[in-house]
Amino acid sequence: MADHSVNFLYSINTLLAYNINERYYKGSHYVWCSLEFDAKSNPPSANPREILYSFINDVANGDRHSPKIEKNRAGLLNGVEAKFNAGIIDVDIRNDLLYIINTADITYFRPVIYVINRRLAAKKLIQVSAASAASLFSQEYIIQELKTSQFDIIELKY
């Protein structure tokens, strides 16, 4: 399990996802996170620093075919369907979100860093199984319902 001496966890999300979670999901965020910002023991796809710079490069270069952005868009669309099927959002909100996600300009995929208070989120922390992790020994965690009060965001200007 996780190193209990660590005070913070780190996750990268897009500004679009952050705004959707805040406005439509009552400040409830679904995140994958790491014990370190630059988790060198994790492969790039599970290292917050590498994920951050991947999004920055793709957004700054206007890469409309970015696999990272398309994966984020697909994840947001899957989240909408899950929330709708669970009865958390109604059909009107579902339709609004589908429109927003499908038409969002690349600039909405600017990354934000979630600095998560480990103590406040500890009961919700789930270790990712070896089968689902980016590598056999990477340390990755999921928080399914992280509340806004449990983290701060950092948005870099570039």
N, C-alpha and C. Protein backbone atom coordinates (compact mmCIF):
# COMPACT_ATOMS: atom_id res chain seq x y z
N MET A 1 0.85 -1.20 0.00
CA MET A 1 0.00 0.00 0.00
C MET A 1 0.88 1.24 0.00
N ALA A 2 0.26 2.38 0.03
CA ALA A 2 0.93 3.66 -0.12
C ALA A 2 1.83 3.99 1.07
N ASP A 3 2.84 4.80 0.79
CA ASP A 3 3.75 5.32 1.81
C ASP A 3 2.98 6.34 2.65
N HIS A 4 2.78 6.04 3.92
CA HIS A 4 1.95 6.89 4.77
C HIS A 4 2.67 8.15 5.24
N SER A 5 3.97 8.27 4.93
CA SER A 5 4.69 9.50 5.28
C SER A 5 4.48 10.60 4.25
N VAL A 6 3.87 10.26 3.13
CA VAL A 6 3.62 11.23 2.07
C VAL A 6 2.40 12.07 2.44
N ASN A 7 2.55 13.40 2.38
CA ASN A 7 1.46 14.30 2.74
C ASN A 7 0.56 14.67 1.57
N PHE A 8 1.10 14.59 0.36
CA PHE A 8 0.34 15.00 -0.81
C PHE A 8 0.40 13.94 -1.89
N LEU A 9 -0.63 13.94 -2.72
CA LEU A 9 -0.69 13.11 -3.92
C LEU A 9 -0.85 14.07 -5.09
N TYR A 10 -0.48 13.62 -6.27
CA TYR A 10 -0.49 14.50 -7.44
C TYR A 10 -1.24 13.84 -8.59
N SER A 11 -2.02 14.65 -9.26
CA SER A 11 -2.76 14.19 -10.42
C SER A 11 -2.82 15.32 -11.44
N ILE A 12 -2.90 14.95 -12.69
CA ILE A 12 -3.06 15.94 -13.76
C ILE A 12 -4.43 15.73 -14.38
N ASN A 13 -5.12 16.84 -14.56
CA ASN A 13 -6.40 16.79 -15.23
C ASN A 13 -6.45 17.95 -16.20
N THR A 14 -7.46 17.99 -17.03
CA THR A 14 -7.60 19.12 -17.95
C THR A 14 -8.54 20.16 -17.35
N LEU A 15 -8.38 21.38 -17.81
CA LEU A 15 -9.26 22.45 -17.35
C LEU A 15 -10.71 22.12 -17.69
N LEU A 16 -10.93 21.49 -18.83
CA LEU A 16 -12.29 21.09 -19.22
C LEU A 16 -12.87 20.11 -18.20
N ALA A 17 -12.11 19.09 -17.84
CA ALA A 17 -12.59 18.10 -16.87
C ALA A 17 -12.85 18.76 -15.52
N TYR A 18 -11.93 19.61 -15.09
CA TYR A 18 -12.10 20.30 -13.81
C TYR A 18 -13.41 21.09 -13.80
N ASN A 19 -13.66 21.86 -14.86
CA ASN A 19 -14.87 22.68 -14.91
C ASN A 19 -16.14 21.85 -14.98
N ILE A 20 -16.11 20.75 -15.71
CA ILE A 20 -17.27 19.86 -15.76
C ILE A 20 -17.56 19.28 -14.38
N ASN A 21 -16.51 18.79 -13.72
CA ASN A 21 -16.69 18.21 -12.39
C ASN A 21 -17.23 19.23 -11.40
N GLU A 22 -16.75 20.44 -11.48
CA GLU A 22 -17.20 21.48 -10.56
C GLU A 22 -18.65 21.87 -10.83
N ARG A 23 -18.97 22.11 -12.07
CA ARG A 23 -20.30 22.65 -12.41
C ARG A 23 -21.41 21.59 -12.46
N TYR A 24 -21.10 20.44 -13.03
CA TYR A 24 -22.15 19.46 -13.28
C TYR A 24 -22.16 18.28 -12.31
N TYR A 25 -21.01 18.01 -11.66
CA TYR A 25 -20.92 16.85 -10.76
C TYR A 25 -20.73 17.27 -9.31
N LYS A 26 -21.13 18.50 -9.00
CA LYS A 26 -21.13 19.01 -7.62
C LYS A 26 -19.77 18.92 -6.94
N GLY A 27 -18.72 19.24 -7.69
CA GLY A 27 -17.38 19.25 -7.11
C GLY A 27 -16.83 17.88 -6.78
N SER A 28 -17.29 16.86 -7.48
CA SER A 28 -16.79 15.50 -7.28
C SER A 28 -15.90 15.13 -8.47
N HIS A 29 -14.65 14.80 -8.20
CA HIS A 29 -13.66 14.54 -9.24
C HIS A 29 -13.19 13.09 -9.18
N TYR A 30 -13.01 12.47 -10.34
CA TYR A 30 -12.44 11.13 -10.47
C TYR A 30 -11.01 11.32 -10.93
N VAL A 31 -10.03 10.82 -10.14
CA VAL A 31 -8.63 11.04 -10.49
C VAL A 31 -7.79 9.78 -10.32
N TRP A 32 -6.78 9.68 -11.17
CA TRP A 32 -5.67 8.77 -10.99
C TRP A 32 -4.56 9.64 -10.42
N CYS A 33 -3.82 9.15 -9.44
CA CYS A 33 -2.81 9.98 -8.81
C CYS A 33 -1.57 9.18 -8.44
N SER A 34 -0.55 9.93 -8.05
CA SER A 34 0.74 9.36 -7.71
C SER A 34 1.25 9.96 -6.41
N LEU A 35 2.16 9.26 -5.76
CA LEU A 35 2.75 9.74 -4.51
C LEU A 35 3.75 10.88 -4.75
N GLU A 36 4.24 11.00 -5.97
CA GLU A 36 5.23 12.01 -6.31
C GLU A 36 4.80 12.74 -7.56
N PHE A 37 5.17 14.02 -7.65
CA PHE A 37 4.87 14.78 -8.86
C PHE A 37 5.71 14.26 -10.02
N ASP A 38 6.99 14.02 -9.78
CA ASP A 38 7.85 13.44 -10.80
C ASP A 38 8.16 12.00 -10.39
N ALA A 39 7.20 11.14 -10.62
CA ALA A 39 7.30 9.74 -10.20
C ALA A 39 8.15 8.97 -11.20
N LYS A 40 9.46 9.08 -11.06
CA LYS A 40 10.39 8.48 -12.01
C LYS A 40 10.29 6.95 -12.05
N SER A 41 9.80 6.35 -10.97
CA SER A 41 9.65 4.88 -10.96
C SER A 41 8.44 4.44 -11.79
N ASN A 42 7.59 5.39 -12.16
CA ASN A 42 6.44 5.10 -13.02
C ASN A 42 6.79 5.41 -14.47
N PRO A 43 6.20 4.69 -15.43
CA PRO A 43 6.41 5.06 -16.83
C PRO A 43 5.75 6.42 -17.12
N PRO A 44 6.10 7.04 -18.25
CA PRO A 44 5.57 8.38 -18.56
C PRO A 44 4.05 8.49 -18.48
N SER A 45 3.32 7.44 -18.84
CA SER A 45 1.86 7.52 -18.83
C SER A 45 1.28 7.53 -17.42
N ALA A 46 2.13 7.30 -16.40
CA ALA A 46 1.67 7.32 -15.00
C ALA A 46 2.51 8.28 -14.15
N ASN A 47 3.24 9.15 -14.81
CA ASN A 47 4.08 10.14 -14.12
C ASN A 47 3.43 11.51 -14.30
N PRO A 48 2.91 12.12 -13.23
CA PRO A 48 2.22 13.40 -13.37
C PRO A 48 3.02 14.47 -14.12
N ARG A 49 4.32 14.54 -13.87
CA ARG A 49 5.15 15.54 -14.56
C ARG A 49 5.14 15.30 -16.07
N GLU A 50 5.30 14.06 -16.48
CA GLU A 50 5.32 13.73 -17.90
C GLU A 50 3.95 13.98 -18.55
N ILE A 51 2.90 13.65 -17.84
CA ILE A 51 1.54 13.88 -18.34
C ILE A 51 1.30 15.38 -18.51
N LEU A 52 1.71 16.16 -17.52
CA LEU A 52 1.57 17.62 -17.58
C LEU A 52 2.23 18.16 -18.84
N TYR A 53 3.50 17.81 -19.05
CA TYR A 53 4.23 18.37 -20.19
C TYR A 53 3.72 17.84 -21.52
N SER A 54 3.17 16.65 -21.54
CA SER A 54 2.56 16.13 -22.76
C SER A 54 1.36 16.98 -23.16
N PHE A 55 0.49 17.27 -22.17
CA PHE A 55 -0.66 18.15 -22.46
C PHE A 55 -0.20 19.55 -22.85
N ILE A 56 0.76 20.11 -22.13
CA ILE A 56 1.25 21.45 -22.46
C ILE A 56 1.74 21.50 -23.90
N ASN A 57 2.56 20.52 -24.28
CA ASN A 57 3.10 20.51 -25.65
C ASN A 57 2.00 20.39 -26.69
N ASP A 58 1.04 19.51 -26.46
CA ASP A 58 -0.02 19.31 -27.44
C ASP A 58 -0.92 20.54 -27.56
N VAL A 59 -1.26 21.15 -26.44
CA VAL A 59 -2.11 22.35 -26.48
C VAL A 59 -1.34 23.52 -27.08
N ALA A 60 -0.11 23.74 -26.64
CA ALA A 60 0.69 24.86 -27.13
C ALA A 60 0.95 24.76 -28.63
N ASN A 61 1.08 23.53 -29.14
CA ASN A 61 1.33 23.33 -30.56
C ASN A 61 0.06 23.18 -31.38
N GLY A 62 -1.09 23.26 -30.73
CA GLY A 62 -2.37 23.17 -31.44
C GLY A 62 -2.60 21.81 -32.09
N ASP A 63 -2.12 20.74 -31.45
CA ASP A 63 -2.22 19.40 -32.02
C ASP A 63 -3.64 18.85 -31.87
N ARG A 64 -4.44 19.05 -32.90
CA ARG A 64 -5.83 18.60 -32.87
C ARG A 64 -5.97 17.08 -33.00
N HIS A 65 -4.86 16.39 -33.28
CA HIS A 65 -4.88 14.92 -33.38
C HIS A 65 -4.12 14.28 -32.23
N SER A 66 -3.95 15.01 -31.16
CA SER A 66 -3.21 14.52 -30.01
C SER A 66 -3.90 13.29 -29.41
N PRO A 67 -3.19 12.16 -29.32
CA PRO A 67 -3.78 10.98 -28.67
C PRO A 67 -4.13 11.26 -27.20
N LYS A 68 -3.34 12.06 -26.53
CA LYS A 68 -3.58 12.38 -25.11
C LYS A 68 -4.90 13.14 -24.98
N ILE A 69 -5.14 14.10 -25.85
CA ILE A 69 -6.37 14.89 -25.79
C ILE A 69 -7.57 14.04 -26.20
N GLU A 70 -7.41 13.22 -27.21
CA GLU A 70 -8.52 12.35 -27.63
C GLU A 70 -8.86 11.35 -26.54
N LYS A 71 -7.86 10.84 -25.84
CA LYS A 71 -8.11 9.91 -24.73
C LYS A 71 -8.86 10.63 -23.61
N ASN A 72 -8.48 11.88 -23.34
CA ASN A 72 -9.17 12.65 -22.30
C ASN A 72 -10.62 12.91 -22.71
N ARG A 73 -10.81 13.28 -23.96
CA ARG A 73 -12.17 13.53 -24.46
C ARG A 73 -13.02 12.27 -24.32
N ALA A 74 -12.46 11.11 -24.72
CA ALA A 74 -13.19 9.84 -24.62
C ALA A 74 -13.52 9.50 -23.17
N GLY A 75 -12.58 9.76 -22.27
CA GLY A 75 -12.82 9.50 -20.85
C GLY A 75 -13.94 10.38 -20.30
N LEU A 76 -13.96 11.63 -20.73
CA LEU A 76 -15.03 12.54 -20.29
C LEU A 76 -16.38 12.07 -20.82
N LEU A 77 -16.41 11.63 -22.07
CA LEU A 77 -17.66 11.13 -22.65
C LEU A 77 -18.13 9.87 -21.92
N ASN A 78 -17.20 8.99 -21.59
CA ASN A 78 -17.57 7.78 -20.82
C ASN A 78 -18.10 8.17 -19.44
N GLY A 79 -17.49 9.19 -18.83
CA GLY A 79 -17.95 9.66 -17.53
C GLY A 79 -19.37 10.20 -17.59
N VAL A 80 -19.69 10.92 -18.65
CA VAL A 80 -21.05 11.44 -18.83
C VAL A 80 -22.04 10.29 -18.87
N GLU A 81 -21.73 9.27 -19.65
CA GLU A 81 -22.65 8.13 -19.77
C GLU A 81 -22.79 7.41 -18.44
N ALA A 82 -21.70 7.27 -17.72
CA ALA A 82 -21.76 6.61 -16.40
C ALA A 82 -22.62 7.41 -15.43
N LYS A 83 -22.45 8.73 -15.41
CA LYS A 83 -23.24 9.58 -14.51
C LYS A 83 -24.72 9.55 -14.91
N PHE A 84 -24.99 9.55 -16.21
CA PHE A 84 -26.37 9.49 -16.69
C PHE A 84 -27.01 8.15 -16.32
N ASN A 85 -26.30 7.06 -16.57
CA ASN A 85 -26.83 5.72 -16.26
C ASN A 85 -27.03 5.51 -14.77
N ALA A 86 -26.25 6.20 -13.95
CA ALA A 86 -26.38 6.10 -12.49
C ALA A 86 -27.45 7.04 -11.95
N GLY A 87 -28.05 7.85 -12.84
CA GLY A 87 -29.10 8.78 -12.40
C GLY A 87 -28.56 10.04 -11.73
N ILE A 88 -27.28 10.31 -11.88
CA ILE A 88 -26.68 11.49 -11.25
C ILE A 88 -26.98 12.75 -12.06
N ILE A 89 -27.07 12.60 -13.38
CA ILE A 89 -27.43 13.73 -14.24
C ILE A 89 -28.64 13.34 -15.09
N ASP A 90 -29.41 14.33 -15.50
CA ASP A 90 -30.58 14.05 -16.34
C ASP A 90 -30.22 14.18 -17.82
N VAL A 91 -31.19 13.92 -18.68
CA VAL A 91 -30.95 13.90 -20.12
C VAL A 91 -30.52 15.27 -20.65
N ASP A 92 -31.06 16.35 -20.10
CA ASP A 92 -30.68 17.69 -20.57
C ASP A 92 -29.22 17.99 -20.25
N ILE A 93 -28.79 17.66 -19.04
CA ILE A 93 -27.39 17.88 -18.66
C ILE A 93 -26.50 16.95 -19.49
N ARG A 94 -26.93 15.72 -19.67
CA ARG A 94 -26.17 14.78 -20.51
C ARG A 94 -25.95 15.37 -21.90
N ASN A 95 -27.01 15.87 -22.51
CA ASN A 95 -26.90 16.44 -23.86
C ASN A 95 -26.00 17.67 -23.88
N ASP A 96 -26.11 18.53 -22.86
CA ASP A 96 -25.22 19.69 -22.77
C ASP A 96 -23.76 19.25 -22.68
N LEU A 97 -23.50 18.26 -21.83
CA LEU A 97 -22.13 17.80 -21.65
C LEU A 97 -21.58 17.14 -22.91
N LEU A 98 -22.39 16.36 -23.58
CA LEU A 98 -21.93 15.75 -24.84
C LEU A 98 -21.56 16.83 -25.84
N TYR A 99 -22.36 17.87 -25.93
CA TYR A 99 -22.06 18.98 -26.83
C TYR A 99 -20.76 19.68 -26.42
N ILE A 100 -20.65 20.01 -25.14
CA ILE A 100 -19.46 20.72 -24.64
C ILE A 100 -18.20 19.91 -24.92
N ILE A 101 -18.21 18.64 -24.59
CA ILE A 101 -17.01 17.81 -24.74
C ILE A 101 -16.67 17.60 -26.21
N ASN A 102 -17.67 17.36 -27.04
CA ASN A 102 -17.41 17.10 -28.45
C ASN A 102 -16.98 18.33 -29.23
N THR A 103 -17.33 19.52 -28.76
CA THR A 103 -16.99 20.74 -29.50
C THR A 103 -15.91 21.58 -28.82
N ALA A 104 -15.43 21.16 -27.66
CA ALA A 104 -14.44 21.96 -26.92
C ALA A 104 -13.18 22.18 -27.75
N ASP A 105 -12.77 23.42 -27.80
CA ASP A 105 -11.53 23.80 -28.46
C ASP A 105 -10.34 23.21 -27.69
N ILE A 106 -9.26 23.01 -28.39
CA ILE A 106 -8.07 22.41 -27.79
C ILE A 106 -7.58 23.18 -26.56
N THR A 107 -7.82 24.47 -26.50
CA THR A 107 -7.35 25.26 -25.35
C THR A 107 -8.02 24.83 -24.05
N TYR A 108 -9.18 24.21 -24.11
CA TYR A 108 -9.85 23.72 -22.90
C TYR A 108 -9.17 22.48 -22.32
N PHE A 109 -8.22 21.94 -23.06
CA PHE A 109 -7.49 20.77 -22.59
C PHE A 109 -6.16 21.15 -21.94
N ARG A 110 -6.05 22.44 -21.58
CA ARG A 110 -4.88 22.86 -20.80
C ARG A 110 -4.86 22.06 -19.51
N PRO A 111 -3.67 21.62 -19.10
CA PRO A 111 -3.59 20.81 -17.89
C PRO A 111 -3.61 21.64 -16.62
N VAL A 112 -4.15 21.05 -15.57
CA VAL A 112 -4.07 21.60 -14.22
C VAL A 112 -3.52 20.50 -13.32
N ILE A 113 -2.76 20.92 -12.33
CA ILE A 113 -2.18 19.98 -11.37
C ILE A 113 -3.08 19.95 -10.15
N TYR A 114 -3.49 18.76 -9.76
CA TYR A 114 -4.23 18.59 -8.51
C TYR A 114 -3.20 18.21 -7.44
N VAL A 115 -3.11 19.02 -6.40
CA VAL A 115 -2.27 18.71 -5.25
C VAL A 115 -3.25 18.29 -4.16
N ILE A 116 -3.27 16.99 -3.91
CA ILE A 116 -4.30 16.37 -3.07
C ILE A 116 -3.79 16.19 -1.65
N ASN A 117 -4.59 16.64 -0.69
CA ASN A 117 -4.25 16.46 0.72
C ASN A 117 -4.46 14.99 1.07
N ARG A 118 -3.38 14.31 1.29
CA ARG A 118 -3.42 12.86 1.55
C ARG A 118 -4.29 12.52 2.75
N ARG A 119 -4.17 13.29 3.80
CA ARG A 119 -4.94 13.02 5.03
C ARG A 119 -6.44 13.13 4.76
N LEU A 120 -6.86 14.14 4.00
CA LEU A 120 -8.28 14.34 3.74
C LEU A 120 -8.86 13.30 2.79
N ALA A 121 -8.02 12.75 1.92
CA ALA A 121 -8.51 11.81 0.91
C ALA A 121 -8.16 10.36 1.22
N ALA A 122 -7.50 10.10 2.33
CA ALA A 122 -6.96 8.76 2.63
C ALA A 122 -8.00 7.65 2.57
N LYS A 123 -9.19 7.88 3.05
CA LYS A 123 -10.21 6.83 3.09
C LYS A 123 -10.74 6.47 1.71
N LYS A 124 -10.50 7.33 0.73
CA LYS A 124 -11.00 7.11 -0.63
C LYS A 124 -9.92 6.56 -1.57
N LEU A 125 -8.70 6.46 -1.09
CA LEU A 125 -7.56 6.08 -1.91
C LEU A 125 -7.58 4.58 -2.22
N ILE A 126 -7.56 4.25 -3.51
CA ILE A 126 -7.57 2.86 -3.96
C ILE A 126 -6.31 2.61 -4.77
N GLN A 127 -5.53 1.62 -4.37
CA GLN A 127 -4.33 1.29 -5.15
C GLN A 127 -4.74 0.58 -6.43
N VAL A 128 -4.14 1.00 -7.55
CA VAL A 128 -4.42 0.40 -8.84
C VAL A 128 -3.77 -0.98 -8.88
N SER A 129 -4.51 -1.96 -9.35
CA SER A 129 -3.98 -3.32 -9.43
C SER A 129 -2.84 -3.39 -10.43
N ALA A 130 -1.98 -4.38 -10.26
CA ALA A 130 -0.86 -4.58 -11.19
C ALA A 130 -1.36 -4.77 -12.61
N ALA A 131 -2.50 -5.41 -12.77
CA ALA A 131 -3.06 -5.65 -14.11
C ALA A 131 -3.51 -4.36 -14.79
N SER A 132 -3.91 -3.35 -14.02
CA SER A 132 -4.40 -2.10 -14.59
C SER A 132 -3.36 -0.99 -14.59
N ALA A 133 -2.27 -1.16 -13.87
CA ALA A 133 -1.24 -0.12 -13.77
C ALA A 133 -0.44 -0.02 -15.06
N ALA A 134 0.24 1.11 -15.23
CA ALA A 134 1.02 1.35 -16.44
C ALA A 134 2.23 0.42 -16.54
N SER A 135 2.74 -0.01 -15.42
CA SER A 135 3.79 -1.03 -15.40
C SER A 135 3.58 -1.91 -14.17
N LEU A 136 4.25 -3.02 -14.13
CA LEU A 136 4.02 -3.97 -13.05
C LEU A 136 4.31 -3.40 -11.66
N PHE A 137 5.25 -2.48 -11.57
CA PHE A 137 5.64 -1.98 -10.26
C PHE A 137 5.39 -0.48 -10.07
N SER A 138 4.64 0.13 -10.96
CA SER A 138 4.35 1.56 -10.76
C SER A 138 3.36 1.73 -9.61
N GLN A 139 3.49 2.83 -8.91
CA GLN A 139 2.59 3.12 -7.79
C GLN A 139 1.56 4.13 -8.27
N GLU A 140 0.36 3.64 -8.49
CA GLU A 140 -0.73 4.47 -9.00
C GLU A 140 -1.95 4.25 -8.11
N TYR A 141 -2.73 5.32 -7.97
CA TYR A 141 -3.90 5.27 -7.10
C TYR A 141 -5.06 5.95 -7.79
N ILE A 142 -6.26 5.54 -7.41
CA ILE A 142 -7.50 6.14 -7.91
C ILE A 142 -8.27 6.70 -6.72
N ILE A 143 -8.86 7.85 -6.94
CA ILE A 143 -9.85 8.39 -6.00
C ILE A 143 -11.09 8.65 -6.84
N GLN A 144 -12.15 7.94 -6.54
CA GLN A 144 -13.35 8.01 -7.38
C GLN A 144 -14.21 9.24 -7.11
N GLU A 145 -14.19 9.74 -5.90
CA GLU A 145 -15.02 10.91 -5.57
C GLU A 145 -14.21 11.89 -4.72
N LEU A 146 -13.23 12.49 -5.35
CA LEU A 146 -12.40 13.49 -4.68
C LEU A 146 -13.17 14.81 -4.65
N LYS A 147 -13.34 15.37 -3.49
CA LYS A 147 -14.06 16.63 -3.34
C LYS A 147 -13.10 17.81 -3.48
N THR A 148 -13.61 18.91 -3.97
CA THR A 148 -12.81 20.11 -4.19
C THR A 148 -12.09 20.56 -2.93
N SER A 149 -12.69 20.35 -1.78
CA SER A 149 -12.08 20.76 -0.52
C SER A 149 -10.88 19.89 -0.14
N GLN A 150 -10.64 18.82 -0.88
CA GLN A 150 -9.55 17.91 -0.56
C GLN A 150 -8.29 18.14 -1.40
N PHE A 151 -8.32 19.15 -2.27
CA PHE A 151 -7.14 19.41 -3.10
C PHE A 151 -7.09 20.88 -3.52
N ASP A 152 -5.92 21.27 -3.96
CA ASP A 152 -5.70 22.58 -4.57
C ASP A 152 -5.32 22.33 -6.02
N ILE A 153 -5.55 23.33 -6.85
CA ILE A 153 -5.10 23.19 -8.24
C ILE A 153 -4.03 24.23 -8.52
N ILE A 154 -3.16 23.85 -9.42
CA ILE A 154 -2.14 24.76 -9.94
C ILE A 154 -2.30 24.76 -11.45
N GLU A 155 -2.43 25.94 -12.02
CA GLU A 155 -2.50 26.06 -13.46
C GLU A 155 -1.30 26.88 -13.91
N LEU A 156 -0.48 26.30 -14.76
CA LEU A 156 0.69 26.99 -15.25
C LEU A 156 0.31 27.90 -16.41
N LYS A 157 0.94 29.04 -16.48
CA LYS A 157 0.73 29.95 -17.62
C LYS A 157 1.87 29.73 -18.60
N TYR A 158 1.52 29.51 -19.84
CA TYR A 158 2.55 29.27 -20.86
C TYR A 158 2.11 29.85 -22.18
